[in-house]
Amino acid sequence: MKLSDAIRKRIKFYLKEKNMNTWKLCKMSGIPCSTISTFMSGKTELIKLDTLLHICEGFNITLGEFFKDSMFDTAEQD
């Protein structure tokens, strides 16, 4: 699995777990909805680490918690 796909999958997991939608994540993280939507739709394969950190803050989790999944052990470069 490509790294960007694994990150998308993990964001979707936390959206469901935290009972949030993309708009609420944007509000809680301070990241523009266009940034999150562009990444989640696959229009861009890149996400900056500081953007991901803010997304994690929006979910009230750490980066460590975000990456604590075996799919990241085998993720490949995009």
N, C-alpha and C. Protein backbone atom coordinates (compact mmCIF):
# COMPACT_ATOMS: atom_id res chain seq x y z
N MET A 1 0.86 -1.18 0.00
CA MET A 1 0.00 0.00 0.00
C MET A 1 0.90 1.24 0.00
N LYS A 2 0.50 2.21 -0.80
CA LYS A 2 1.25 3.46 -0.83
C LYS A 2 1.03 4.21 0.49
N LEU A 3 2.05 4.95 0.90
CA LEU A 3 1.99 5.70 2.16
C LEU A 3 0.81 6.66 2.18
N SER A 4 0.58 7.37 1.08
CA SER A 4 -0.53 8.33 1.06
C SER A 4 -1.88 7.63 1.22
N ASP A 5 -2.02 6.43 0.64
CA ASP A 5 -3.25 5.67 0.81
C ASP A 5 -3.43 5.21 2.25
N ALA A 6 -2.33 4.82 2.88
CA ALA A 6 -2.39 4.40 4.28
C ALA A 6 -2.80 5.57 5.17
N ILE A 7 -2.27 6.75 4.88
CA ILE A 7 -2.64 7.94 5.67
C ILE A 7 -4.10 8.27 5.47
N ARG A 8 -4.58 8.21 4.23
CA ARG A 8 -6.01 8.45 3.96
C ARG A 8 -6.89 7.46 4.73
N LYS A 9 -6.49 6.20 4.68
CA LYS A 9 -7.25 5.16 5.38
C LYS A 9 -7.29 5.44 6.88
N ARG A 10 -6.17 5.88 7.43
CA ARG A 10 -6.11 6.15 8.87
C ARG A 10 -6.95 7.38 9.22
N ILE A 11 -6.93 8.40 8.39
CA ILE A 11 -7.78 9.57 8.64
C ILE A 11 -9.24 9.16 8.62
N LYS A 12 -9.63 8.34 7.64
CA LYS A 12 -11.02 7.86 7.58
C LYS A 12 -11.37 7.06 8.83
N PHE A 13 -10.43 6.24 9.32
CA PHE A 13 -10.65 5.46 10.54
C PHE A 13 -10.97 6.40 11.71
N TYR A 14 -10.15 7.44 11.88
CA TYR A 14 -10.36 8.35 13.00
C TYR A 14 -11.60 9.22 12.82
N LEU A 15 -11.93 9.56 11.59
CA LEU A 15 -13.18 10.30 11.37
C LEU A 15 -14.36 9.47 11.89
N LYS A 16 -14.35 8.19 11.57
CA LYS A 16 -15.43 7.31 12.02
C LYS A 16 -15.38 7.10 13.53
N GLU A 17 -14.17 6.83 14.06
CA GLU A 17 -14.03 6.56 15.49
C GLU A 17 -14.44 7.76 16.34
N LYS A 18 -14.10 8.95 15.88
CA LYS A 18 -14.40 10.17 16.64
C LYS A 18 -15.75 10.77 16.26
N ASN A 19 -16.48 10.06 15.37
CA ASN A 19 -17.80 10.52 14.93
C ASN A 19 -17.72 11.96 14.39
N MET A 20 -16.78 12.17 13.49
CA MET A 20 -16.55 13.49 12.91
C MET A 20 -16.72 13.41 11.40
N ASN A 21 -17.00 14.56 10.82
CA ASN A 21 -16.96 14.67 9.37
C ASN A 21 -15.77 15.56 9.00
N THR A 22 -15.51 15.68 7.72
CA THR A 22 -14.35 16.45 7.27
C THR A 22 -14.45 17.90 7.70
N TRP A 23 -15.64 18.47 7.64
CA TRP A 23 -15.79 19.88 8.03
C TRP A 23 -15.41 20.08 9.50
N LYS A 24 -15.85 19.19 10.36
CA LYS A 24 -15.52 19.31 11.79
C LYS A 24 -14.02 19.13 12.00
N LEU A 25 -13.41 18.19 11.25
CA LEU A 25 -11.96 18.02 11.36
C LEU A 25 -11.23 19.30 10.96
N CYS A 26 -11.69 19.94 9.90
CA CYS A 26 -11.09 21.20 9.46
C CYS A 26 -11.17 22.24 10.57
N LYS A 27 -12.34 22.34 11.18
CA LYS A 27 -12.55 23.32 12.25
C LYS A 27 -11.67 23.01 13.46
N MET A 28 -11.59 21.74 13.83
CA MET A 28 -10.83 21.34 15.03
C MET A 28 -9.32 21.40 14.81
N SER A 29 -8.87 21.21 13.56
CA SER A 29 -7.44 21.17 13.27
C SER A 29 -6.88 22.51 12.81
N GLY A 30 -7.76 23.38 12.32
CA GLY A 30 -7.30 24.65 11.79
C GLY A 30 -6.74 24.54 10.38
N ILE A 31 -6.90 23.38 9.76
CA ILE A 31 -6.43 23.15 8.39
C ILE A 31 -7.56 23.51 7.43
N PRO A 32 -7.27 24.27 6.37
CA PRO A 32 -8.34 24.59 5.41
C PRO A 32 -8.99 23.34 4.84
N CYS A 33 -10.29 23.38 4.68
CA CYS A 33 -11.03 22.24 4.13
C CYS A 33 -10.52 21.87 2.75
N SER A 34 -10.09 22.84 1.98
CA SER A 34 -9.58 22.54 0.64
C SER A 34 -8.33 21.68 0.71
N THR A 35 -7.49 21.90 1.70
CA THR A 35 -6.26 21.11 1.87
C THR A 35 -6.60 19.66 2.18
N ILE A 36 -7.50 19.47 3.15
CA ILE A 36 -7.89 18.12 3.53
C ILE A 36 -8.65 17.44 2.40
N SER A 37 -9.56 18.14 1.77
CA SER A 37 -10.36 17.55 0.70
C SER A 37 -9.50 17.15 -0.50
N THR A 38 -8.55 17.98 -0.85
CA THR A 38 -7.67 17.68 -1.98
C THR A 38 -6.85 16.43 -1.71
N PHE A 39 -6.35 16.30 -0.48
CA PHE A 39 -5.59 15.10 -0.13
C PHE A 39 -6.49 13.87 -0.07
N MET A 40 -7.63 14.00 0.59
CA MET A 40 -8.52 12.85 0.78
C MET A 40 -9.10 12.34 -0.53
N SER A 41 -9.29 13.23 -1.49
CA SER A 41 -9.83 12.81 -2.79
C SER A 41 -8.77 12.19 -3.69
N GLY A 42 -7.51 12.30 -3.30
CA GLY A 42 -6.44 11.73 -4.10
C GLY A 42 -5.91 12.67 -5.17
N LYS A 43 -6.39 13.90 -5.19
CA LYS A 43 -5.90 14.86 -6.18
C LYS A 43 -4.45 15.21 -5.93
N THR A 44 -4.01 15.06 -4.69
CA THR A 44 -2.60 15.22 -4.35
C THR A 44 -2.18 14.02 -3.51
N GLU A 45 -0.95 13.60 -3.71
CA GLU A 45 -0.43 12.45 -2.97
C GLU A 45 0.39 12.88 -1.76
N LEU A 46 0.68 14.17 -1.66
CA LEU A 46 1.56 14.66 -0.61
C LEU A 46 0.78 15.35 0.50
N ILE A 47 1.23 15.10 1.73
CA ILE A 47 0.70 15.84 2.86
C ILE A 47 1.91 16.19 3.73
N LYS A 48 2.00 17.43 4.13
CA LYS A 48 3.14 17.86 4.94
C LYS A 48 2.98 17.31 6.35
N LEU A 49 4.10 17.04 6.97
CA LEU A 49 4.09 16.48 8.32
C LEU A 49 3.43 17.43 9.31
N ASP A 50 3.67 18.74 9.17
CA ASP A 50 3.03 19.67 10.10
C ASP A 50 1.51 19.71 9.88
N THR A 51 1.05 19.49 8.65
CA THR A 51 -0.39 19.40 8.39
C THR A 51 -0.96 18.17 9.07
N LEU A 52 -0.25 17.06 8.97
CA LEU A 52 -0.69 15.83 9.62
C LEU A 52 -0.70 16.00 11.14
N LEU A 53 0.27 16.72 11.67
CA LEU A 53 0.30 16.99 13.11
C LEU A 53 -0.95 17.76 13.54
N HIS A 54 -1.34 18.76 12.76
CA HIS A 54 -2.55 19.53 13.08
C HIS A 54 -3.81 18.66 12.97
N ILE A 55 -3.82 17.75 12.00
CA ILE A 55 -4.94 16.82 11.87
C ILE A 55 -5.02 15.95 13.12
N CYS A 56 -3.88 15.47 13.58
CA CYS A 56 -3.86 14.67 14.80
C CYS A 56 -4.35 15.49 16.00
N GLU A 57 -3.97 16.74 16.07
CA GLU A 57 -4.45 17.60 17.14
C GLU A 57 -5.97 17.75 17.06
N GLY A 58 -6.50 17.84 15.84
CA GLY A 58 -7.94 17.91 15.66
C GLY A 58 -8.65 16.66 16.15
N PHE A 59 -7.98 15.51 16.01
CA PHE A 59 -8.52 14.25 16.52
C PHE A 59 -8.21 14.04 18.01
N ASN A 60 -7.38 14.92 18.57
CA ASN A 60 -6.94 14.81 19.96
C ASN A 60 -6.13 13.52 20.17
N ILE A 61 -5.23 13.25 19.23
CA ILE A 61 -4.33 12.11 19.32
C ILE A 61 -2.91 12.58 19.01
N THR A 62 -1.94 11.73 19.30
CA THR A 62 -0.55 12.05 18.96
C THR A 62 -0.20 11.47 17.59
N LEU A 63 0.90 11.94 17.04
CA LEU A 63 1.39 11.36 15.79
C LEU A 63 1.70 9.88 15.99
N GLY A 64 2.23 9.55 17.16
CA GLY A 64 2.52 8.15 17.47
C GLY A 64 1.28 7.29 17.42
N GLU A 65 0.18 7.79 17.97
CA GLU A 65 -1.08 7.05 17.92
C GLU A 65 -1.56 6.89 16.48
N PHE A 66 -1.40 7.96 15.71
CA PHE A 66 -1.84 7.92 14.31
C PHE A 66 -1.12 6.82 13.54
N PHE A 67 0.18 6.73 13.73
CA PHE A 67 0.97 5.76 12.97
C PHE A 67 1.03 4.38 13.62
N LYS A 68 0.33 4.19 14.72
CA LYS A 68 0.35 2.90 15.42
C LYS A 68 -0.63 1.94 14.75
N ASP A 69 -0.24 1.47 13.59
CA ASP A 69 -1.02 0.52 12.82
C ASP A 69 -0.05 -0.24 11.92
N SER A 70 -0.25 -1.54 11.80
CA SER A 70 0.69 -2.37 11.06
C SER A 70 0.76 -2.02 9.57
N MET A 71 -0.25 -1.34 9.02
CA MET A 71 -0.19 -1.00 7.60
C MET A 71 0.97 -0.06 7.30
N PHE A 72 1.43 0.70 8.31
CA PHE A 72 2.55 1.60 8.10
C PHE A 72 3.89 0.85 8.08
N ASP A 73 3.90 -0.38 8.59
CA ASP A 73 5.13 -1.18 8.59
C ASP A 73 5.53 -1.57 7.16
N THR A 74 4.56 -1.68 6.29
CA THR A 74 4.82 -2.13 4.93
C THR A 74 4.47 -1.07 3.87
N ALA A 75 4.17 0.14 4.33
CA ALA A 75 3.80 1.20 3.39
C ALA A 75 4.98 1.51 2.48
N GLU A 76 4.67 1.78 1.23
CA GLU A 76 5.69 2.07 0.23
C GLU A 76 5.64 3.53 -0.17
N GLN A 77 6.76 4.00 -0.67
CA GLN A 77 6.86 5.37 -1.15
C GLN A 77 5.89 5.58 -2.30
N ASP A 78 5.31 6.76 -2.36
CA ASP A 78 4.38 7.10 -3.44
C ASP A 78 5.12 7.29 -4.74
